[in-house]
C-alpha atoms as a PDB file:
ATOM      1  CA  ALA A   1       0.018   0.119  -0.073  1.00  0.00           C
ATOM      2  CA  GLY A   2       2.673   2.317   0.820  1.00  0.00           C
ATOM      3  CA  GLU A   3       4.526   1.700  -2.432  1.00  0.00           C
ATOM      4  CA  LEU A   4       1.214   2.781  -4.255  1.00  0.00           C
ATOM      5  CA  GLY A   5       1.207   6.103  -2.392  1.00  0.00           C
ATOM      6  CA  ALA A   6      -1.409   5.221   0.292  1.00  0.00           C
ATOM      7  CA  ASP A   7      -1.182   7.542   3.411  1.00  0.00           C
ATOM      8  CA  TYR A   8      -2.566   4.812   5.667  1.00  0.00           C
ATOM      9  CA  ALA A   9      -3.219   1.151   5.500  1.00  0.00           C
ATOM     10  CA  GLU A  10      -6.108  -0.173   7.688  1.00  0.00           C
ATOM     11  CA  ILE A  11      -5.179  -3.246   9.826  1.00  0.00           C
ATOM     12  CA  ASP A  12      -7.224  -5.271  12.265  1.00  0.00           C
ATOM     13  CA  VAL A  13      -5.363  -6.291  15.629  1.00  0.00           C
ATOM     14  CA  GLN A  14      -6.505  -8.777  18.205  1.00  0.00           C
ATOM     15  CA  LEU A  15      -4.585 -10.565  21.246  1.00  0.00           C
ATOM     16  CA  SER A  16      -2.968 -13.797  21.277  1.00  0.00           C
ATOM     17  CA  ALA A  17      -3.531 -15.842  24.555  1.00  0.00           C
ATOM     18  CA  ASP A  18      -0.456 -14.555  25.910  1.00  0.00           C
ATOM     19  CA  GLY A  19      -1.052 -10.913  25.155  1.00  0.00           C
ATOM     20  CA  VAL A  20       0.821 -10.215  22.002  1.00  0.00           C
ATOM     21  CA  PRO A  21      -1.086  -7.908  19.462  1.00  0.00           C
ATOM     22  CA  VAL A  22      -1.421  -9.740  16.192  1.00  0.00           C
ATOM     23  CA  VAL A  23      -2.498  -8.545  12.845  1.00  0.00           C
ATOM     24  CA  ILE A  24      -5.458 -10.618  11.455  1.00  0.00           C
ATOM     25  CA  HIS A  25      -8.985  -9.847  10.536  1.00  0.00           C
ATOM     26  CA  ASP A  26     -11.082 -12.971  11.296  1.00  0.00           C
ATOM     27  CA  ASP A  27     -11.403 -14.139  14.853  1.00  0.00           C
ATOM     28  CA  SER A  28     -11.844 -17.681  13.848  1.00  0.00           C
ATOM     29  CA  LEU A  29      -8.811 -19.183  12.212  1.00  0.00           C
ATOM     30  CA  TRP A  30     -10.968 -21.536  10.176  1.00  0.00           C
ATOM     31  CA  ARG A  31     -11.094 -19.590   6.856  1.00  0.00           C
ATOM     32  CA  LEU A  32      -7.574 -18.752   6.835  1.00  0.00           C
ATOM     33  CA  ALA A  33      -5.872 -21.605   8.495  1.00  0.00           C
ATOM     34  CA  GLY A  34      -8.266 -24.427   8.683  1.00  0.00           C
ATOM     35  CA  GLU A  35      -8.231 -24.461  12.580  1.00  0.00           C
ATOM     36  CA  MET A  36     -11.284 -24.740  14.552  1.00  0.00           C
ATOM     37  CA  THR A  37     -10.257 -22.257  16.964  1.00  0.00           C
ATOM     38  CA  SER A  38     -10.128 -18.395  17.778  1.00  0.00           C
ATOM     39  CA  VAL A  39      -7.144 -16.131  17.502  1.00  0.00           C
ATOM     40  CA  GLY A  40      -7.311 -15.351  21.269  1.00  0.00           C
ATOM     41  CA  ASP A  41      -7.038 -18.997  22.077  1.00  0.00           C
ATOM     42  CA  LEU A  42      -3.645 -19.649  20.951  1.00  0.00           C
ATOM     43  CA  THR A  43      -0.336 -18.240  22.103  1.00  0.00           C
ATOM     44  CA  TRP A  44       1.989 -16.096  19.781  1.00  0.00           C
ATOM     45  CA  ALA A  45       4.345 -19.079  19.260  1.00  0.00           C
ATOM     46  CA  GLU A  46       1.452 -21.245  18.300  1.00  0.00           C
ATOM     47  CA  LEU A  47       0.050 -18.664  15.978  1.00  0.00           C
ATOM     48  CA  GLN A  48       3.328 -18.112  14.392  1.00  0.00           C
ATOM     49  CA  ALA A  49       3.555 -22.036  13.543  1.00  0.00           C
ATOM     50  CA  LEU A  50       0.105 -21.550  11.523  1.00  0.00           C
ATOM     51  CA  THR A  51       0.212 -21.303   7.812  1.00  0.00           C
ATOM     52  CA  ILE A  52      -2.371 -18.955   6.521  1.00  0.00           C
ATOM     53  CA  ARG A  53      -3.480 -19.566   2.979  1.00  0.00           C
ATOM     54  CA  ALA A  54      -4.777 -17.108   0.374  1.00  0.00           C
ATOM     55  CA  ASP A  55      -8.083 -17.716  -1.332  1.00  0.00           C
ATOM     56  CA  THR A  56      -7.293 -20.930  -3.213  1.00  0.00           C
ATOM     57  CA  THR A  57     -10.628 -20.790  -5.117  1.00  0.00           C
ATOM     58  CA  ARG A  58      -9.218 -18.033  -7.163  1.00  0.00           C
ATOM     59  CA  GLY A  59      -5.944 -19.814  -8.012  1.00  0.00           C
ATOM     60  CA  LEU A  60      -3.963 -17.681  -5.632  1.00  0.00           C
ATOM     61  CA  GLY A  61      -2.469 -20.484  -3.303  1.00  0.00           C
ATOM     62  CA  GLN A  62      -0.109 -18.272  -1.552  1.00  0.00           C
ATOM     63  CA  THR A  63       0.891 -18.770   2.035  1.00  0.00           C
ATOM     64  CA  ALA A  64       1.999 -16.486   4.754  1.00  0.00           C
ATOM     65  CA  SER A  65       2.155 -16.289   8.530  1.00  0.00           C
ATOM     66  CA  ILE A  66       0.259 -13.904  10.958  1.00  0.00           C
ATOM     67  CA  PRO A  67       2.431 -10.978  11.845  1.00  0.00           C
ATOM     68  CA  SER A  68       2.556  -9.216  15.075  1.00  0.00           C
ATOM     69  CA  LEU A  69       1.646  -5.479  15.501  1.00  0.00           C
ATOM     70  CA  GLU A  70       5.321  -4.789  16.237  1.00  0.00           C
ATOM     71  CA  GLU A  71       6.575  -6.434  13.188  1.00  0.00           C
ATOM     72  CA  VAL A  72       4.152  -4.404  11.039  1.00  0.00           C
ATOM     73  CA  ILE A  73       5.122  -1.032  12.996  1.00  0.00           C
ATOM     74  CA  ARG A  74       8.755  -1.878  12.674  1.00  0.00           C
ATOM     75  CA  ALA A  75       8.376  -2.533   8.823  1.00  0.00           C
ATOM     76  CA  GLU A  76       6.588   0.700   8.377  1.00  0.00           C
ATOM     77  CA  LEU A  77       9.463   2.511  10.261  1.00  0.00           C
ATOM     78  CA  ASP A  78      12.026   0.809   8.122  1.00  0.00           C
ATOM     79  CA  GLY A  79      10.386   1.549   4.901  1.00  0.00           C
ATOM     80  CA  GLU A  80      10.579   4.706   2.884  1.00  0.00           C
ATOM     81  CA  SER A  81       6.836   5.251   2.274  1.00  0.00           C
ATOM     82  CA  GLY A  82       6.048   7.256   5.525  1.00  0.00           C
ATOM     83  CA  MET A  83       2.701   5.466   5.524  1.00  0.00           C
ATOM     84  CA  GLY A  84       0.635   5.411   8.491  1.00  0.00           C
ATOM     85  CA  LEU A  85      -1.543   2.646  10.130  1.00  0.00           C
ATOM     86  CA  LEU A  86      -5.228   2.885  10.766  1.00  0.00           C
ATOM     87  CA  ILE A  87      -5.492   0.171  13.539  1.00  0.00           C
ATOM     88  CA  GLU A  88      -8.757  -1.494  14.109  1.00  0.00           C
ATOM     89  CA  LEU A  89      -8.892  -2.700  17.624  1.00  0.00           C
ATOM     90  CA  LYS A  90     -10.863  -6.132  17.799  1.00  0.00           C
ATOM     91  CA  PRO A  91     -10.991  -7.247  21.466  1.00  0.00           C
ATOM     92  CA  ALA A  92     -12.269 -10.553  22.421  1.00  0.00           C
ATOM     93  CA  ALA A  93     -15.039 -10.390  25.340  1.00  0.00           C
ATOM     94  CA  GLY A  94     -13.238  -9.128  28.386  1.00  0.00           C
ATOM     95  CA  ARG A  95     -10.030  -8.448  26.864  1.00  0.00           C
ATOM     96  CA  GLY A  96     -10.455  -4.692  25.531  1.00  0.00           C
ATOM     97  CA  GLN A  97      -8.220  -3.015  28.129  1.00  0.00           C
ATOM     98  CA  ALA A  98      -5.428  -5.653  27.740  1.00  0.00           C
ATOM     99  CA  LEU A  99      -5.552  -5.048  24.121  1.00  0.00           C
ATOM    100  CA  VAL A 100      -5.573  -1.199  24.447  1.00  0.00           C
ATOM    101  CA  GLU A 101      -2.480  -1.406  26.791  1.00  0.00           C
ATOM    102  CA  ALA A 102      -0.692  -3.783  24.429  1.00  0.00           C
ATOM    103  CA  VAL A 103      -1.324  -1.522  21.332  1.00  0.00           C
ATOM    104  CA  THR A 104      -0.489   1.584  23.302  1.00  0.00           C
ATOM    105  CA  GLU A 105       2.707   0.327  24.534  1.00  0.00           C
ATOM    106  CA  LEU A 106       3.961  -0.649  21.169  1.00  0.00           C
ATOM    107  CA  VAL A 107       2.768   2.560  19.728  1.00  0.00           C
ATOM    108  CA  GLU A 108       4.655   4.640  22.386  1.00  0.00           C
ATOM    109  CA  ARG A 109       7.739   2.347  22.339  1.00  0.00           C
ATOM    110  CA  TYR A 110       8.330   2.899  18.518  1.00  0.00           C
ATOM    111  CA  GLY A 111       7.014   6.803  18.691  1.00  0.00           C
ATOM    112  CA  PHE A 112       4.613   5.831  15.883  1.00  0.00           C
ATOM    113  CA  GLY A 113       1.675   7.983  17.514  1.00  0.00           C
ATOM    114  CA  ASP A 114       2.034  10.548  14.600  1.00  0.00           C
ATOM    115  CA  ARG A 115       1.526   7.809  12.139  1.00  0.00           C
ATOM    116  CA  ALA A 116      -1.312   5.926  13.721  1.00  0.00           C
ATOM    117  CA  MET A 117      -5.172   6.386  13.958  1.00  0.00           C
ATOM    118  CA  PHE A 118      -7.267   3.958  16.023  1.00  0.00           C
ATOM    119  CA  MET A 119     -10.889   2.727  15.573  1.00  0.00           C
ATOM    120  CA  SER A 120     -13.009   0.120  16.900  1.00  0.00           C
ATOM    121  CA  LEU A 121     -16.511  -1.239  17.453  1.00  0.00           C
ATOM    122  CA  ASP A 122     -15.770  -1.385  21.131  1.00  0.00           C
ATOM    123  CA  TYR A 123     -16.207   2.326  22.398  1.00  0.00           C
ATOM    124  CA  PRO A 124     -14.561   1.524  25.764  1.00  0.00           C
ATOM    125  CA  CYS A 125     -11.279   0.827  23.772  1.00  0.00           C
ATOM    126  CA  LEU A 126     -11.525   4.157  22.133  1.00  0.00           C
ATOM    127  CA  THR A 127     -12.033   5.899  25.507  1.00  0.00           C
ATOM    128  CA  ALA A 128      -8.933   4.347  26.973  1.00  0.00           C
ATOM    129  CA  ILE A 129      -6.689   5.343  24.211  1.00  0.00           C
ATOM    130  CA  HIS A 130      -8.208   8.980  24.031  1.00  0.00           C
ATOM    131  CA  GLU A 131      -7.736   9.396  27.695  1.00  0.00           C
ATOM    132  CA  ALA A 132      -4.065   8.409  27.610  1.00  0.00           C
ATOM    133  CA  HIS A 133      -3.359  10.209  24.544  1.00  0.00           C
ATOM    134  CA  PRO A 134      -5.810  13.052  23.502  1.00  0.00           C
ATOM    135  CA  ASP A 135      -3.756  13.831  20.623  1.00  0.00           C
ATOM    136  CA  TRP A 136      -3.994  10.586  18.929  1.00  0.00           C
ATOM    137  CA  TRP A 137      -6.998  10.195  16.368  1.00  0.00           C
ATOM    138  CA  VAL A 138      -9.681   7.681  17.457  1.00  0.00           C
ATOM    139  CA  GLY A 139     -12.868   6.658  15.502  1.00  0.00           C
ATOM    140  CA  TYR A 140     -15.855   4.479  16.028  1.00  0.00           C
ATOM    141  CA  CYS A 141     -16.730   1.998  13.534  1.00  0.00           C
ATOM    142  CA  ALA A 142     -20.293   1.731  12.219  1.00  0.00           C
ATOM    143  CA  TYR A 143     -21.219  -1.053  10.322  1.00  0.00           C
ATOM    144  CA  ALA A 144     -24.558  -2.417   9.134  1.00  0.00           C
ATOM    145  CA  SER A 145     -24.282  -5.609  11.085  1.00  0.00           C
ATOM    146  CA  ALA A 146     -23.760  -3.354  14.294  1.00  0.00           C
ATOM    147  CA  GLY A 147     -27.233  -1.651  13.644  1.00  0.00           C
ATOM    148  CA  ASP A 148     -28.299   1.702  12.533  1.00  0.00           C
ATOM    149  CA  ILE A 149     -26.490   4.845  13.498  1.00  0.00           C
ATOM    150  CA  ASP A 150     -28.650   6.807  15.867  1.00  0.00           C
ATOM    151  CA  ALA A 151     -28.385  10.338  17.547  1.00  0.00           C
ATOM    152  CA  THR A 152     -26.306   8.852  20.447  1.00  0.00           C
ATOM    153  CA  ILE A 153     -23.192   8.589  18.128  1.00  0.00           C
ATOM    154  CA  TRP A 154     -22.747  12.243  18.229  1.00  0.00           C
ATOM    155  CA  GLN A 155     -22.264  12.058  21.982  1.00  0.00           C
ATOM    156  CA  TYR A 156     -19.151   9.984  21.371  1.00  0.00           C
ATOM    157  CA  ASP A 157     -15.721  11.502  22.254  1.00  0.00           C
ATOM    158  CA  ILE A 158     -14.277  10.519  18.833  1.00  0.00           C
ATOM    159  CA  ASP A 159     -12.370  12.215  16.079  1.00  0.00           C
ATOM    160  CA  PHE A 160     -14.002  10.303  13.095  1.00  0.00           C
ATOM    161  CA  LEU A 161     -16.453   7.741  12.049  1.00  0.00           C
ATOM    162  CA  ALA A 162     -15.433   4.759   9.893  1.00  0.00           C
ATOM    163  CA  VAL A 163     -18.950   4.089   8.277  1.00  0.00           C
ATOM    164  CA  GLU A 164     -19.768   1.432   5.974  1.00  0.00           C
ATOM    165  CA  GLU A 165     -20.797   2.991   2.639  1.00  0.00           C
ATOM    166  CA  ASN A 166     -24.480   1.751   2.796  1.00  0.00           C
ATOM    167  CA  LEU A 167     -24.972   3.569   5.990  1.00  0.00           C
ATOM    168  CA  VAL A 168     -23.810   7.224   4.550  1.00  0.00           C
ATOM    169  CA  SER A 169     -26.889   9.008   3.735  1.00  0.00           C
ATOM    170  CA  ASN A 170     -27.711  12.597   3.246  1.00  0.00           C
ATOM    171  CA  GLN A 171     -29.195  12.837   6.942  1.00  0.00           C
ATOM    172  CA  LEU A 172     -25.961  11.365   8.231  1.00  0.00           C
ATOM    173  CA  VAL A 173     -23.769  13.963   6.312  1.00  0.00           C
ATOM    174  CA  THR A 174     -26.203  16.747   7.566  1.00  0.00           C
ATOM    175  CA  GLN A 175     -26.018  15.409  11.194  1.00  0.00           C
ATOM    176  CA  ALA A 176     -22.114  15.265  10.929  1.00  0.00           C
ATOM    177  CA  ARG A 177     -22.048  19.004   9.781  1.00  0.00           C
ATOM    178  CA  GLY A 178     -23.985  20.116  12.816  1.00  0.00           C
ATOM    179  CA  VAL A 179     -21.589  18.535  15.264  1.00  0.00           C
ATOM    180  CA  GLY A 180     -19.861  20.929  17.823  1.00  0.00           C
ATOM    181  CA  PRO A 181     -17.256  23.294  16.799  1.00  0.00           C
ATOM    182  CA  ALA A 182     -14.567  20.678  16.326  1.00  0.00           C
ATOM    183  CA  GLY A 183     -16.746  18.562  14.287  1.00  0.00           C
ATOM    184  CA  VAL A 184     -16.175  15.086  13.270  1.00  0.00           C
ATOM    185  CA  ARG A 185     -14.436  13.567  10.361  1.00  0.00           C
ATOM    186  CA  LEU A 186     -16.579  11.390   7.976  1.00  0.00           C
ATOM    187  CA  ASP A 187     -14.825   9.781   4.855  1.00  0.00           C
ATOM    188  CA  GLY A 188     -11.836  11.960   5.206  1.00  0.00           C
ATOM    189  CA  ILE A 189     -13.664  15.444   5.328  1.00  0.00           C
ATOM    190  CA  ARG A 190     -13.966  17.155   8.500  1.00  0.00           C
ATOM    191  CA  TYR A 191     -17.632  18.407   9.300  1.00  0.00           C
ATOM    192  CA  GLY A 192     -18.592  20.987  11.996  1.00  0.00           C
END
């Protein structure tokens, strides 16, 4: 993505059983690794031992391993693109605070805060990040599977909304324009 000139790449981060932030979308390892278990049930060493397969139905057949967030941050710091990361926190039940602490520690350690944005469906995760680092950008994910966006969304202490395209409407854009003096970012445009 950086080589193609992207400003940010969106990644999903979950915790391994032993507290390592790993970059993977699915909670279940069935689709990509053929394992009937969740990411959070395996240790970092166990996750590293898995082979992740690309979509073999399309003839790709490529394999890879699950990277840690630390590996991804280090790769970005070593690269020349200057690309940032939009980090979506996907906590397993009861592990939100642990995920926030692990991700925050890595971003602080590598001085990556100015190249990172954070989003989640889990608002308490966002609150914890925002309280620790008010200068870091945090955003709430709004997807159709999570339900409709109602007026309470504008009460959240967030910098942007990550909105699934089928939820964007004239009403949503009008509401976003009417939000407080600082406004809220929606699709890369600051309203308010």
